[in-house]
Amino acid sequence: MAKHKNPLEKELLIRMYLSDTSIKLTDFCTKNNISDSAFRKWLKQYEEGGLEALARADAEIKEILPEGLDRTEENYRREILKLRIENERLKKNYTVRVNEDGEQEYVRLKPKNSK
């Protein structure tokens, strides 16, 4: 019997498929060892109900996302933006620290090389 994919794996496959418009559904499914009918069903479920809709009905875990997390699209966009900013800051070797006054300041993780 084939291994069942969890909702996060299904969402990853759906996003990969939707991001590449040049590939046909059948080729994508063959490449990832998924049946065409199952993948079409996942796409429909994902469009209708998002990540929660991809959970199997008999799954023990009904809640996919942590408690208290707002699921609106706008909040997802804000979170992605925050993560992108943090990623760029870390690439430049900066981190956020709270000083004695309670204010955030950006400090270098390592001193700049003077060579």
PDB file of N, CA and C in Angstrom:
ATOM      1  N   MET A   1       0.839  -1.180   0.000  1.00  0.00           N
ATOM      2  CA  MET A   1       0.000   0.000   0.000  1.00  0.00           C
ATOM      3  C   MET A   1       0.884   1.243   0.000  1.00  0.00           C
ATOM      4  N   ALA A   2       0.483   2.224  -0.750  1.00  0.00           N
ATOM      5  CA  ALA A   2       1.272   3.449  -0.879  1.00  0.00           C
ATOM      6  C   ALA A   2       1.193   4.273   0.398  1.00  0.00           C
ATOM      7  N   LYS A   3       2.266   5.002   0.658  1.00  0.00           N
ATOM      8  CA  LYS A   3       2.312   5.883   1.828  1.00  0.00           C
ATOM      9  C   LYS A   3       1.426   7.098   1.574  1.00  0.00           C
ATOM     10  N   HIS A   4       0.616   7.438   2.563  1.00  0.00           N
ATOM     11  CA  HIS A   4      -0.238   8.615   2.442  1.00  0.00           C
ATOM     12  C   HIS A   4       0.597   9.856   2.700  1.00  0.00           C
ATOM     13  N   LYS A   5       0.342  10.893   1.929  1.00  0.00           N
ATOM     14  CA  LYS A   5       1.060  12.150   2.109  1.00  0.00           C
ATOM     15  C   LYS A   5       0.296  13.018   3.104  1.00  0.00           C
ATOM     16  N   ASN A   6       1.052  13.732   3.942  1.00  0.00           N
ATOM     17  CA  ASN A   6       0.378  14.620   4.880  1.00  0.00           C
ATOM     18  C   ASN A   6       0.000  15.913   4.145  1.00  0.00           C
ATOM     19  N   PRO A   7      -0.861  16.724   4.729  1.00  0.00           N
ATOM     20  CA  PRO A   7      -1.339  17.930   4.049  1.00  0.00           C
ATOM     21  C   PRO A   7      -0.228  18.897   3.634  1.00  0.00           C
ATOM     22  N   LEU A   8       0.836  18.978   4.409  1.00  0.00           N
ATOM     23  CA  LEU A   8       1.931  19.888   4.046  1.00  0.00           C
ATOM     24  C   LEU A   8       2.676  19.397   2.803  1.00  0.00           C
ATOM     25  N   GLU A   9       2.849  18.086   2.689  1.00  0.00           N
ATOM     26  CA  GLU A   9       3.476  17.527   1.495  1.00  0.00           C
ATOM     27  C   GLU A   9       2.599  17.757   0.264  1.00  0.00           C
ATOM     28  N   LYS A  10       1.298  17.587   0.445  1.00  0.00           N
ATOM     29  CA  LYS A  10       0.368  17.819  -0.655  1.00  0.00           C
ATOM     30  C   LYS A  10       0.414  19.277  -1.096  1.00  0.00           C
ATOM     31  N   GLU A  11       0.424  20.188  -0.114  1.00  0.00           N
ATOM     32  CA  GLU A  11       0.467  21.613  -0.448  1.00  0.00           C
ATOM     33  C   GLU A  11       1.757  21.959  -1.192  1.00  0.00           C
ATOM     34  N   LEU A  12       2.879  21.383  -0.760  1.00  0.00           N
ATOM     35  CA  LEU A  12       4.144  21.626  -1.440  1.00  0.00           C
ATOM     36  C   LEU A  12       4.068  21.184  -2.892  1.00  0.00           C
ATOM     37  N   LEU A  13       3.525  20.001  -3.144  1.00  0.00           N
ATOM     38  CA  LEU A  13       3.395  19.506  -4.517  1.00  0.00           C
ATOM     39  C   LEU A  13       2.471  20.403  -5.340  1.00  0.00           C
ATOM     40  N   ILE A  14       1.381  20.852  -4.736  1.00  0.00           N
ATOM     41  CA  ILE A  14       0.447  21.731  -5.451  1.00  0.00           C
ATOM     42  C   ILE A  14       1.132  23.040  -5.818  1.00  0.00           C
ATOM     43  N   ARG A  15       1.861  23.616  -4.862  1.00  0.00           N
ATOM     44  CA  ARG A  15       2.558  24.886  -5.138  1.00  0.00           C
ATOM     45  C   ARG A  15       3.642  24.711  -6.208  1.00  0.00           C
ATOM     46  N   MET A  16       4.338  23.575  -6.173  1.00  0.00           N
ATOM     47  CA  MET A  16       5.349  23.310  -7.200  1.00  0.00           C
ATOM     48  C   MET A  16       4.695  23.226  -8.574  1.00  0.00           C
ATOM     49  N   TYR A  17       3.565  22.537  -8.652  1.00  0.00           N
ATOM     50  CA  TYR A  17       2.867  22.398  -9.927  1.00  0.00           C
ATOM     51  C   TYR A  17       2.361  23.740 -10.426  1.00  0.00           C
ATOM     52  N   LEU A  18       1.747  24.524  -9.543  1.00  0.00           N
ATOM     53  CA  LEU A  18       1.184  25.808  -9.950  1.00  0.00           C
ATOM     54  C   LEU A  18       2.260  26.832 -10.312  1.00  0.00           C
ATOM     55  N   SER A  19       3.460  26.691  -9.749  1.00  0.00           N
ATOM     56  CA  SER A  19       4.521  27.653 -10.047  1.00  0.00           C
ATOM     57  C   SER A  19       5.155  27.413 -11.419  1.00  0.00           C
ATOM     58  N   ASP A  20       5.044  26.210 -11.953  1.00  0.00           N
ATOM     59  CA  ASP A  20       5.638  25.887 -13.254  1.00  0.00           C
ATOM     60  C   ASP A  20       4.517  25.658 -14.258  1.00  0.00           C
ATOM     61  N   THR A  21       4.198  26.684 -15.025  1.00  0.00           N
ATOM     62  CA  THR A  21       3.086  26.595 -15.979  1.00  0.00           C
ATOM     63  C   THR A  21       3.439  25.789 -17.229  1.00  0.00           C
ATOM     64  N   SER A  22       4.704  25.493 -17.432  1.00  0.00           N
ATOM     65  CA  SER A  22       5.108  24.805 -18.659  1.00  0.00           C
ATOM     66  C   SER A  22       4.919  23.286 -18.587  1.00  0.00           C
ATOM     67  N   ILE A  23       4.734  22.741 -17.403  1.00  0.00           N
ATOM     68  CA  ILE A  23       4.629  21.288 -17.267  1.00  0.00           C
ATOM     69  C   ILE A  23       3.160  20.850 -17.286  1.00  0.00           C
ATOM     70  N   LYS A  24       2.917  19.713 -17.925  1.00  0.00           N
ATOM     71  CA  LYS A  24       1.566  19.168 -17.966  1.00  0.00           C
ATOM     72  C   LYS A  24       1.295  18.403 -16.675  1.00  0.00           C
ATOM     73  N   LEU A  25       0.031  18.348 -16.304  1.00  0.00           N
ATOM     74  CA  LEU A  25      -0.373  17.687 -15.069  1.00  0.00           C
ATOM     75  C   LEU A  25       0.040  16.218 -15.066  1.00  0.00           C
ATOM     76  N   THR A  26      -0.158  15.540 -16.175  1.00  0.00           N
ATOM     77  CA  THR A  26       0.187  14.113 -16.224  1.00  0.00           C
ATOM     78  C   THR A  26       1.693  13.898 -16.062  1.00  0.00           C
ATOM     79  N   ASP A  27       2.503  14.758 -16.695  1.00  0.00           N
ATOM     80  CA  ASP A  27       3.959  14.639 -16.560  1.00  0.00           C
ATOM     81  C   ASP A  27       4.395  14.912 -15.126  1.00  0.00           C
ATOM     82  N   PHE A  28       3.800  15.918 -14.496  1.00  0.00           N
ATOM     83  CA  PHE A  28       4.134  16.256 -13.115  1.00  0.00           C
ATOM     84  C   PHE A  28       3.788  15.094 -12.182  1.00  0.00           C
ATOM     85  N   CYS A  29       2.608  14.516 -12.375  1.00  0.00           N
ATOM     86  CA  CYS A  29       2.168  13.412 -11.529  1.00  0.00           C
ATOM     87  C   CYS A  29       3.050  12.184 -11.708  1.00  0.00           C
ATOM     88  N   THR A  30       3.417  11.892 -12.931  1.00  0.00           N
ATOM     89  CA  THR A  30       4.296  10.754 -13.202  1.00  0.00           C
ATOM     90  C   THR A  30       5.645  10.961 -12.540  1.00  0.00           C
ATOM     91  N   LYS A  31       6.180  12.159 -12.660  1.00  0.00           N
ATOM     92  CA  LYS A  31       7.484  12.486 -12.084  1.00  0.00           C
ATOM     93  C   LYS A  31       7.477  12.337 -10.563  1.00  0.00           C
ATOM     94  N   ASN A  32       6.340  12.658  -9.911  1.00  0.00           N
ATOM     95  CA  ASN A  32       6.253  12.631  -8.454  1.00  0.00           C
ATOM     96  C   ASN A  32       5.517  11.415  -7.900  1.00  0.00           C
ATOM     97  N   ASN A  33       5.262  10.425  -8.758  1.00  0.00           N
ATOM     98  CA  ASN A  33       4.613   9.172  -8.361  1.00  0.00           C
ATOM     99  C   ASN A  33       3.266   9.395  -7.681  1.00  0.00           C
ATOM    100  N   ILE A  34       2.420  10.184  -8.325  1.00  0.00           N
ATOM    101  CA  ILE A  34       1.079  10.468  -7.830  1.00  0.00           C
ATOM    102  C   ILE A  34       0.103  10.146  -8.952  1.00  0.00           C
ATOM    103  N   SER A  35      -1.055   9.630  -8.593  1.00  0.00           N
ATOM    104  CA  SER A  35      -2.050   9.389  -9.634  1.00  0.00           C
ATOM    105  C   SER A  35      -2.687  10.720 -10.043  1.00  0.00           C
ATOM    106  N   ASP A  36      -3.034  10.815 -11.321  1.00  0.00           N
ATOM    107  CA  ASP A  36      -3.632  12.047 -11.842  1.00  0.00           C
ATOM    108  C   ASP A  36      -4.930  12.391 -11.124  1.00  0.00           C
ATOM    109  N   SER A  37      -5.750  11.376 -10.893  1.00  0.00           N
ATOM    110  CA  SER A  37      -7.051  11.636 -10.261  1.00  0.00           C
ATOM    111  C   SER A  37      -6.885  12.138  -8.827  1.00  0.00           C
ATOM    112  N   ALA A  38      -5.936  11.568  -8.100  1.00  0.00           N
ATOM    113  CA  ALA A  38      -5.704  12.012  -6.718  1.00  0.00           C
ATOM    114  C   ALA A  38      -5.205  13.450  -6.705  1.00  0.00           C
ATOM    115  N   PHE A  39      -4.306  13.772  -7.621  1.00  0.00           N
ATOM    116  CA  PHE A  39      -3.756  15.127  -7.645  1.00  0.00           C
ATOM    117  C   PHE A  39      -4.818  16.153  -8.032  1.00  0.00           C
ATOM    118  N   ARG A  40      -5.673  15.784  -8.989  1.00  0.00           N
ATOM    119  CA  ARG A  40      -6.778  16.688  -9.360  1.00  0.00           C
ATOM    120  C   ARG A  40      -7.703  16.923  -8.161  1.00  0.00           C
ATOM    121  N   LYS A  41      -7.947  15.863  -7.400  1.00  0.00           N
ATOM    122  CA  LYS A  41      -8.785  15.968  -6.199  1.00  0.00           C
ATOM    123  C   LYS A  41      -8.120  16.913  -5.182  1.00  0.00           C
ATOM    124  N   TRP A  42      -6.802  16.779  -4.985  1.00  0.00           N
ATOM    125  CA  TRP A  42      -6.076  17.660  -4.063  1.00  0.00           C
ATOM    126  C   TRP A  42      -6.177  19.116  -4.512  1.00  0.00           C
ATOM    127  N   LEU A  43      -6.007  19.336  -5.824  1.00  0.00           N
ATOM    128  CA  LEU A  43      -6.102  20.700  -6.350  1.00  0.00           C
ATOM    129  C   LEU A  43      -7.470  21.307  -6.044  1.00  0.00           C
ATOM    130  N   LYS A  44      -8.515  20.538  -6.273  1.00  0.00           N
ATOM    131  CA  LYS A  44      -9.866  21.031  -6.033  1.00  0.00           C
ATOM    132  C   LYS A  44     -10.079  21.314  -4.544  1.00  0.00           C
ATOM    133  N   GLN A  45      -9.636  20.391  -3.698  1.00  0.00           N
ATOM    134  CA  GLN A  45      -9.769  20.588  -2.253  1.00  0.00           C
ATOM    135  C   GLN A  45      -8.991  21.820  -1.792  1.00  0.00           C
ATOM    136  N   TYR A  46      -7.791  21.995  -2.313  1.00  0.00           N
ATOM    137  CA  TYR A  46      -6.940  23.115  -1.906  1.00  0.00           C
ATOM    138  C   TYR A  46      -7.554  24.451  -2.331  1.00  0.00           C
ATOM    139  N   GLU A  47      -8.122  24.496  -3.535  1.00  0.00           N
ATOM    140  CA  GLU A  47      -8.768  25.722  -4.005  1.00  0.00           C
ATOM    141  C   GLU A  47      -9.988  26.071  -3.161  1.00  0.00           C
ATOM    142  N   GLU A  48     -10.723  25.051  -2.722  1.00  0.00           N
ATOM    143  CA  GLU A  48     -11.945  25.287  -1.959  1.00  0.00           C
ATOM    144  C   GLU A  48     -11.692  25.599  -0.488  1.00  0.00           C
ATOM    145  N   GLY A  49     -10.731  24.885   0.124  1.00  0.00           N
ATOM    146  CA  GLY A  49     -10.590  25.032   1.574  1.00  0.00           C
ATOM    147  C   GLY A  49      -9.193  25.253   2.095  1.00  0.00           C
ATOM    148  N   GLY A  50      -8.224  25.400   1.210  1.00  0.00           N
ATOM    149  CA  GLY A  50      -6.856  25.643   1.662  1.00  0.00           C
ATOM    150  C   GLY A  50      -6.217  24.406   2.266  1.00  0.00           C
ATOM    151  N   LEU A  51      -5.258  24.642   3.138  1.00  0.00           N
ATOM    152  CA  LEU A  51      -4.461  23.567   3.722  1.00  0.00           C
ATOM    153  C   LEU A  51      -5.305  22.600   4.552  1.00  0.00           C
ATOM    154  N   GLU A  52      -6.257  23.117   5.314  1.00  0.00           N
ATOM    155  CA  GLU A  52      -7.085  22.258   6.161  1.00  0.00           C
ATOM    156  C   GLU A  52      -7.902  21.260   5.345  1.00  0.00           C
ATOM    157  N   ALA A  53      -8.279  21.633   4.145  1.00  0.00           N
ATOM    158  CA  ALA A  53      -9.090  20.750   3.305  1.00  0.00           C
ATOM    159  C   ALA A  53      -8.295  19.544   2.803  1.00  0.00           C
ATOM    160  N   LEU A  54      -6.970  19.628   2.841  1.00  0.00           N
ATOM    161  CA  LEU A  54      -6.144  18.525   2.357  1.00  0.00           C
ATOM    162  C   LEU A  54      -5.982  17.407   3.380  1.00  0.00           C
ATOM    163  N   ALA A  55      -6.389  17.642   4.615  1.00  0.00           N
ATOM    164  CA  ALA A  55      -6.280  16.607   5.644  1.00  0.00           C
ATOM    165  C   ALA A  55      -7.274  15.496   5.351  1.00  0.00           C
ATOM    166  N   ARG A  56      -6.858  14.275   5.578  1.00  0.00           N
ATOM    167  CA  ARG A  56      -7.746  13.130   5.352  1.00  0.00           C
ATOM    168  C   ARG A  56      -8.834  13.135   6.404  1.00  0.00           C
ATOM    169  N   ALA A  57      -9.991  12.612   6.035  1.00  0.00           N
ATOM    170  CA  ALA A  57     -11.136  12.591   6.950  1.00  0.00           C
ATOM    171  C   ALA A  57     -10.862  11.719   8.173  1.00  0.00           C
ATOM    172  N   ASP A  58     -10.099  10.641   8.001  1.00  0.00           N
ATOM    173  CA  ASP A  58      -9.829   9.744   9.125  1.00  0.00           C
ATOM    174  C   ASP A  58      -8.525  10.078   9.839  1.00  0.00           C
ATOM    175  N   ALA A  59      -7.945  11.214   9.522  1.00  0.00           N
ATOM    176  CA  ALA A  59      -6.679  11.606  10.157  1.00  0.00           C
ATOM    177  C   ALA A  59      -6.913  11.935  11.623  1.00  0.00           C
ATOM    178  N   GLU A  60      -5.945  11.579  12.461  1.00  0.00           N
ATOM    179  CA  GLU A  60      -6.056  11.854  13.886  1.00  0.00           C
ATOM    180  C   GLU A  60      -5.931  13.346  14.166  1.00  0.00           C
ATOM    181  N   ILE A  61      -5.096  14.022  13.435  1.00  0.00           N
ATOM    182  CA  ILE A  61      -4.859  15.442  13.662  1.00  0.00           C
ATOM    183  C   ILE A  61      -5.777  16.238  12.743  1.00  0.00           C
ATOM    184  N   LYS A  62      -6.733  16.913  13.323  1.00  0.00           N
ATOM    185  CA  LYS A  62      -7.665  17.710  12.535  1.00  0.00           C
ATOM    186  C   LYS A  62      -7.116  19.117  12.298  1.00  0.00           C
ATOM    187  N   GLU A  63      -6.386  19.627  13.254  1.00  0.00           N
ATOM    188  CA  GLU A  63      -5.868  20.994  13.163  1.00  0.00           C
ATOM    189  C   GLU A  63      -4.450  20.944  12.610  1.00  0.00           C
ATOM    190  N   ILE A  64      -4.219  21.552  11.461  1.00  0.00           N
ATOM    191  CA  ILE A  64      -2.914  21.540  10.829  1.00  0.00           C
ATOM    192  C   ILE A  64      -2.042  22.678  11.352  1.00  0.00           C
ATOM    193  N   LEU A  65      -2.612  23.853  11.419  1.00  0.00           N
ATOM    194  CA  LEU A  65      -1.869  25.028  11.842  1.00  0.00           C
ATOM    195  C   LEU A  65      -1.985  25.206  13.348  1.00  0.00           C
ATOM    196  N   PRO A  66      -1.007  25.859  13.989  1.00  0.00           N
ATOM    197  CA  PRO A  66      -1.053  26.066  15.433  1.00  0.00           C
ATOM    198  C   PRO A  66      -2.277  26.865  15.864  1.00  0.00           C
ATOM    199  N   GLU A  67      -2.675  26.673  17.118  1.00  0.00           N
ATOM    200  CA  GLU A  67      -3.829  27.391  17.658  1.00  0.00           C
ATOM    201  C   GLU A  67      -3.563  28.887  17.680  1.00  0.00           C
ATOM    202  N   GLY A  68      -4.603  29.664  17.454  1.00  0.00           N
ATOM    203  CA  GLY A  68      -4.487  31.115  17.538  1.00  0.00           C
ATOM    204  C   GLY A  68      -3.929  31.765  16.290  1.00  0.00           C
ATOM    205  N   LEU A  69      -3.564  30.982  15.284  1.00  0.00           N
ATOM    206  CA  LEU A  69      -3.011  31.545  14.058  1.00  0.00           C
ATOM    207  C   LEU A  69      -4.147  31.954  13.139  1.00  0.00           C
ATOM    208  N   ASP A  70      -4.167  33.217  12.765  1.00  0.00           N
ATOM    209  CA  ASP A  70      -5.212  33.718  11.877  1.00  0.00           C
ATOM    210  C   ASP A  70      -4.914  33.234  10.464  1.00  0.00           C
ATOM    211  N   ARG A  71      -5.910  32.704   9.798  1.00  0.00           N
ATOM    212  CA  ARG A  71      -5.695  32.065   8.503  1.00  0.00           C
ATOM    213  C   ARG A  71      -6.040  32.942   7.308  1.00  0.00           C
ATOM    214  N   THR A  72      -6.191  34.210   7.497  1.00  0.00           N
ATOM    215  CA  THR A  72      -6.555  35.052   6.368  1.00  0.00           C
ATOM    216  C   THR A  72      -5.362  35.228   5.439  1.00  0.00           C
ATOM    217  N   GLU A  73      -5.666  35.449   4.198  1.00  0.00           N
ATOM    218  CA  GLU A  73      -4.618  35.587   3.186  1.00  0.00           C
ATOM    219  C   GLU A  73      -3.718  36.782   3.476  1.00  0.00           C
ATOM    220  N   GLU A  74      -4.304  37.860   3.964  1.00  0.00           N
ATOM    221  CA  GLU A  74      -3.516  39.059   4.267  1.00  0.00           C
ATOM    222  C   GLU A  74      -2.481  38.784   5.356  1.00  0.00           C
ATOM    223  N   ASN A  75      -2.859  38.005   6.355  1.00  0.00           N
ATOM    224  CA  ASN A  75      -1.898  37.672   7.414  1.00  0.00           C
ATOM    225  C   ASN A  75      -0.785  36.784   6.888  1.00  0.00           C
ATOM    226  N   TYR A  76      -1.121  35.892   5.967  1.00  0.00           N
ATOM    227  CA  TYR A  76      -0.075  35.088   5.341  1.00  0.00           C
ATOM    228  C   TYR A  76       0.912  35.982   4.578  1.00  0.00           C
ATOM    229  N   ARG A  77       0.381  36.954   3.864  1.00  0.00           N
ATOM    230  CA  ARG A  77       1.245  37.864   3.107  1.00  0.00           C
ATOM    231  C   ARG A  77       2.170  38.654   4.041  1.00  0.00           C
ATOM    232  N   ARG A  78       1.620  39.122   5.159  1.00  0.00           N
ATOM    233  CA  ARG A  78       2.443  39.860   6.132  1.00  0.00           C
ATOM    234  C   ARG A  78       3.549  38.982   6.698  1.00  0.00           C
ATOM    235  N   GLU A  79       3.203  37.753   7.032  1.00  0.00           N
ATOM    236  CA  GLU A  79       4.194  36.833   7.591  1.00  0.00           C
ATOM    237  C   GLU A  79       5.301  36.549   6.582  1.00  0.00           C
ATOM    238  N   ILE A  80       4.942  36.365   5.322  1.00  0.00           N
ATOM    239  CA  ILE A  80       5.942  36.133   4.275  1.00  0.00           C
ATOM    240  C   ILE A  80       6.851  37.348   4.141  1.00  0.00           C
ATOM    241  N   LEU A  81       6.271  38.541   4.174  1.00  0.00           N
ATOM    242  CA  LEU A  81       7.063  39.767   4.080  1.00  0.00           C
ATOM    243  C   LEU A  81       8.026  39.889   5.249  1.00  0.00           C
ATOM    244  N   LYS A  82       7.559  39.599   6.465  1.00  0.00           N
ATOM    245  CA  LYS A  82       8.428  39.654   7.646  1.00  0.00           C
ATOM    246  C   LYS A  82       9.593  38.676   7.501  1.00  0.00           C
ATOM    247  N   LEU A  83       9.297  37.470   7.025  1.00  0.00           N
ATOM    248  CA  LEU A  83      10.348  36.462   6.868  1.00  0.00           C
ATOM    249  C   LEU A  83      11.357  36.854   5.794  1.00  0.00           C
ATOM    250  N   ARG A  84      10.879  37.470   4.721  1.00  0.00           N
ATOM    251  CA  ARG A  84      11.804  37.931   3.675  1.00  0.00           C
ATOM    252  C   ARG A  84      12.726  39.015   4.205  1.00  0.00           C
ATOM    253  N   ILE A  85      12.170  39.949   4.978  1.00  0.00           N
ATOM    254  CA  ILE A  85      12.989  41.018   5.557  1.00  0.00           C
ATOM    255  C   ILE A  85      14.023  40.428   6.508  1.00  0.00           C
ATOM    256  N   GLU A  86      13.590  39.509   7.362  1.00  0.00           N
ATOM    257  CA  GLU A  86      14.518  38.883   8.298  1.00  0.00           C
ATOM    258  C   GLU A  86      15.610  38.119   7.555  1.00  0.00           C
ATOM    259  N   ASN A  87      15.237  37.436   6.486  1.00  0.00           N
ATOM    260  CA  ASN A  87      16.205  36.688   5.688  1.00  0.00           C
ATOM    261  C   ASN A  87      17.263  37.616   5.091  1.00  0.00           C
ATOM    262  N   GLU A  88      16.834  38.741   4.523  1.00  0.00           N
ATOM    263  CA  GLU A  88      17.781  39.692   3.945  1.00  0.00           C
ATOM    264  C   GLU A  88      18.696  40.281   5.014  1.00  0.00           C
ATOM    265  N   ARG A  89      18.120  40.576   6.186  1.00  0.00           N
ATOM    266  CA  ARG A  89      18.927  41.130   7.271  1.00  0.00           C
ATOM    267  C   ARG A  89      19.984  40.122   7.715  1.00  0.00           C
ATOM    268  N   LEU A  90      19.610  38.850   7.818  1.00  0.00           N
ATOM    269  CA  LEU A  90      20.565  37.824   8.226  1.00  0.00           C
ATOM    270  C   LEU A  90      21.635  37.597   7.162  1.00  0.00           C
ATOM    271  N   LYS A  91      21.265  37.738   5.891  1.00  0.00           N
ATOM    272  CA  LYS A  91      22.261  37.623   4.819  1.00  0.00           C
ATOM    273  C   LYS A  91      23.338  38.694   4.961  1.00  0.00           C
ATOM    274  N   LYS A  92      22.921  39.864   5.441  1.00  0.00           N
ATOM    275  CA  LYS A  92      23.863  40.968   5.622  1.00  0.00           C
ATOM    276  C   LYS A  92      24.521  40.916   6.998  1.00  0.00           C
ATOM    277  N   ASN A  93      24.289  39.821   7.722  1.00  0.00           N
ATOM    278  CA  ASN A  93      24.954  39.560   8.990  1.00  0.00           C
ATOM    279  C   ASN A  93      24.474  40.465  10.124  1.00  0.00           C
ATOM    280  N   TYR A  94      23.208  40.834  10.114  1.00  0.00           N
ATOM    281  CA  TYR A  94      22.625  41.629  11.195  1.00  0.00           C
ATOM    282  C   TYR A  94      21.599  40.807  11.956  1.00  0.00           C
ATOM    283  N   THR A  95      21.416  41.154  13.216  1.00  0.00           N
ATOM    284  CA  THR A  95      20.364  40.550  14.019  1.00  0.00           C
ATOM    285  C   THR A  95      19.693  41.645  14.838  1.00  0.00           C
ATOM    286  N   VAL A  96      18.540  41.357  15.398  1.00  0.00           N
ATOM    287  CA  VAL A  96      17.807  42.326  16.205  1.00  0.00           C
ATOM    288  C   VAL A  96      18.069  42.033  17.678  1.00  0.00           C
ATOM    289  N   ARG A  97      18.345  43.096  18.440  1.00  0.00           N
ATOM    290  CA  ARG A  97      18.555  42.952  19.870  1.00  0.00           C
ATOM    291  C   ARG A  97      17.777  44.063  20.568  1.00  0.00           C
ATOM    292  N   VAL A  98      17.244  43.763  21.739  1.00  0.00           N
ATOM    293  CA  VAL A  98      16.527  44.762  22.524  1.00  0.00           C
ATOM    294  C   VAL A  98      17.518  45.345  23.528  1.00  0.00           C
ATOM    295  N   ASN A  99      17.686  46.683  23.510  1.00  0.00           N
ATOM    296  CA  ASN A  99      18.623  47.318  24.433  1.00  0.00           C
ATOM    297  C   ASN A  99      17.976  47.564  25.787  1.00  0.00           C
ATOM    298  N   GLU A 100      18.685  48.228  26.699  1.00  0.00           N
ATOM    299  CA  GLU A 100      18.183  48.450  28.061  1.00  0.00           C
ATOM    300  C   GLU A 100      16.915  49.302  28.082  1.00  0.00           C
ATOM    301  N   ASP A 101      16.748  50.186  27.097  1.00  0.00           N
ATOM    302  CA  ASP A 101      15.574  51.050  27.041  1.00  0.00           C
ATOM    303  C   ASP A 101      14.341  50.333  26.487  1.00  0.00           C
ATOM    304  N   GLY A 102      14.509  49.082  26.062  1.00  0.00           N
ATOM    305  CA  GLY A 102      13.400  48.329  25.502  1.00  0.00           C
ATOM    306  C   GLY A 102      13.202  48.564  24.014  1.00  0.00           C
ATOM    307  N   GLU A 103      14.154  49.245  23.374  1.00  0.00           N
ATOM    308  CA  GLU A 103      14.058  49.524  21.945  1.00  0.00           C
ATOM    309  C   GLU A 103      14.829  48.467  21.158  1.00  0.00           C
ATOM    310  N   GLN A 104      14.339  48.187  19.958  1.00  0.00           N
ATOM    311  CA  GLN A 104      15.032  47.236  19.093  1.00  0.00           C
ATOM    312  C   GLN A 104      16.165  47.949  18.377  1.00  0.00           C
ATOM    313  N   GLU A 105      17.295  47.258  18.262  1.00  0.00           N
ATOM    314  CA  GLU A 105      18.408  47.798  17.498  1.00  0.00           C
ATOM    315  C   GLU A 105      19.016  46.672  16.673  1.00  0.00           C
ATOM    316  N   TYR A 106      19.585  47.049  15.558  1.00  0.00           N
ATOM    317  CA  TYR A 106      20.212  46.072  14.674  1.00  0.00           C
ATOM    318  C   TYR A 106      21.701  46.070  14.946  1.00  0.00           C
ATOM    319  N   VAL A 107      22.253  44.893  15.211  1.00  0.00           N
ATOM    320  CA  VAL A 107      23.681  44.772  15.499  1.00  0.00           C
ATOM    321  C   VAL A 107      24.273  43.699  14.598  1.00  0.00           C
ATOM    322  N   ARG A 108      25.540  43.877  14.273  1.00  0.00           N
ATOM    323  CA  ARG A 108      26.241  42.884  13.454  1.00  0.00           C
ATOM    324  C   ARG A 108      26.535  41.648  14.286  1.00  0.00           C
ATOM    325  N   LEU A 109      26.437  40.497  13.648  1.00  0.00           N
ATOM    326  CA  LEU A 109      26.773  39.254  14.326  1.00  0.00           C
ATOM    327  C   LEU A 109      28.280  39.132  14.482  1.00  0.00           C
ATOM    328  N   LYS A 110      29.030  39.568  13.474  1.00  0.00           N
ATOM    329  CA  LYS A 110      30.486  39.562  13.512  1.00  0.00           C
ATOM    330  C   LYS A 110      30.967  40.934  13.093  1.00  0.00           C
ATOM    331  N   PRO A 111      32.097  41.372  13.637  1.00  0.00           N
ATOM    332  CA  PRO A 111      32.628  42.667  13.191  1.00  0.00           C
ATOM    333  C   PRO A 111      32.995  42.623  11.712  1.00  0.00           C
ATOM    334  N   LYS A 112      32.860  43.775  11.062  1.00  0.00           N
ATOM    335  CA  LYS A 112      33.183  43.879   9.650  1.00  0.00           C
ATOM    336  C   LYS A 112      34.681  43.680   9.452  1.00  0.00           C
ATOM    337  N   ASN A 113      35.052  42.942   8.420  1.00  0.00           N
ATOM    338  CA  ASN A 113      36.457  42.702   8.122  1.00  0.00           C
ATOM    339  C   ASN A 113      37.040  43.980   7.518  1.00  0.00           C
ATOM    340  N   SER A 114      38.154  44.453   8.065  1.00  0.00           N
ATOM    341  CA  SER A 114      38.743  45.714   7.592  1.00  0.00           C
ATOM    342  C   SER A 114      39.771  45.508   6.488  1.00  0.00           C
ATOM    343  N   LYS A 115      39.932  44.291   6.018  1.00  0.00           N
ATOM    344  CA  LYS A 115      40.913  44.025   4.961  1.00  0.00           C
ATOM    345  C   LYS A 115      40.415  44.482   3.625  1.00  0.00           C
TER     346      LYS A 115
END
